[in-house]
Amino acid sequence: MEERLQNLEISFAYQEDTVKSLNGVIIDQGKKIEELEKLIKKLTRKIEDLIEIAGEDSMPHERPPHY
């Protein structure tokens, strides 16, 4: 009985360590996602600004020759 209890405690300790480790990974991924979302917004604004500067008339509405 004592050995079973000890094995359960060991198993619990490993699981607790794994949960802490995974939590750290999730936090890091959340930060990276926030950074990427900010970058996408910034790039979207730049593209919109470039389109506005270039004007609608300068953008061809024809298919490229390779189609």
Protein backbone atom coordinates (compact mmCIF):
# COMPACT_ATOMS: atom_id res chain seq x y z
CA MET A 1 0.00 0.00 0.00
CA GLU A 2 2.85 2.37 0.87
CA GLU A 3 4.50 1.69 -2.50
CA ARG A 4 1.27 2.48 -4.39
CA LEU A 5 0.93 5.76 -2.54
CA GLN A 6 4.53 6.65 -3.29
CA ASN A 7 4.02 5.84 -6.99
CA LEU A 8 0.91 8.03 -7.08
CA GLU A 9 2.83 10.89 -5.46
CA ILE A 10 5.63 10.54 -7.99
CA SER A 11 3.12 10.46 -10.85
CA PHE A 12 1.37 13.53 -9.48
CA ALA A 13 4.68 15.40 -9.20
CA TYR A 14 5.51 14.65 -12.86
CA GLN A 15 2.05 15.73 -13.97
CA GLU A 16 2.29 18.94 -11.96
CA ASP A 17 5.66 19.71 -13.56
CA THR A 18 4.23 19.02 -17.02
CA VAL A 19 1.27 21.32 -16.40
CA LYS A 20 3.60 24.13 -15.27
CA SER A 21 5.78 23.62 -18.33
CA LEU A 22 2.80 23.62 -20.71
CA ASN A 23 1.43 26.74 -19.03
CA GLY A 24 4.73 28.49 -19.77
CA VAL A 25 4.52 27.45 -23.40
CA ILE A 26 0.95 28.76 -23.66
CA ILE A 27 1.96 32.10 -22.14
CA ASP A 28 4.86 32.42 -24.61
CA GLN A 29 2.59 31.53 -27.53
CA GLY A 30 0.03 34.11 -26.41
CA LYS A 31 2.72 36.80 -26.38
CA LYS A 32 3.91 35.77 -29.84
CA ILE A 33 0.34 35.83 -31.19
CA GLU A 34 -0.11 39.36 -29.84
CA GLU A 35 3.13 40.44 -31.53
CA LEU A 36 2.05 38.90 -34.83
CA GLU A 37 -1.40 40.51 -34.64
CA LYS A 38 0.23 43.93 -34.10
CA LEU A 39 2.54 43.29 -37.05
CA ILE A 40 -0.36 42.27 -39.29
CA LYS A 41 -2.27 45.45 -38.38
CA LYS A 42 0.82 47.56 -39.08
CA LEU A 43 1.42 45.89 -42.44
CA THR A 44 -2.25 46.20 -43.36
CA ARG A 45 -2.14 49.93 -42.66
CA LYS A 46 1.03 50.28 -44.75
CA ILE A 47 -0.57 48.43 -47.67
CA GLU A 48 -3.71 50.56 -47.42
CA ASP A 49 -1.56 53.71 -47.37
CA LEU A 50 0.39 52.55 -50.43
CA ILE A 51 -2.81 51.79 -52.31
CA GLU A 52 -4.16 55.21 -51.40
CA ILE A 53 -0.94 56.91 -52.53
CA ALA A 54 -0.85 54.95 -55.78
CA GLY A 55 -4.52 55.57 -56.45
CA GLU A 56 -7.11 53.22 -57.83
CA ASP A 57 -6.34 54.06 -61.48
CA SER A 58 -2.78 52.85 -61.28
CA MET A 59 -3.85 49.33 -60.33
CA PRO A 60 -4.57 47.30 -63.45
CA HIS A 61 -7.79 45.30 -63.51
CA GLU A 62 -6.60 43.02 -66.28
CA ARG A 63 -5.40 39.47 -65.88
CA PRO A 64 -1.66 39.07 -66.10
CA PRO A 65 -0.40 37.56 -69.37
CA HIS A 66 0.43 34.21 -67.78
CA TYR A 67 -3.29 33.35 -67.29
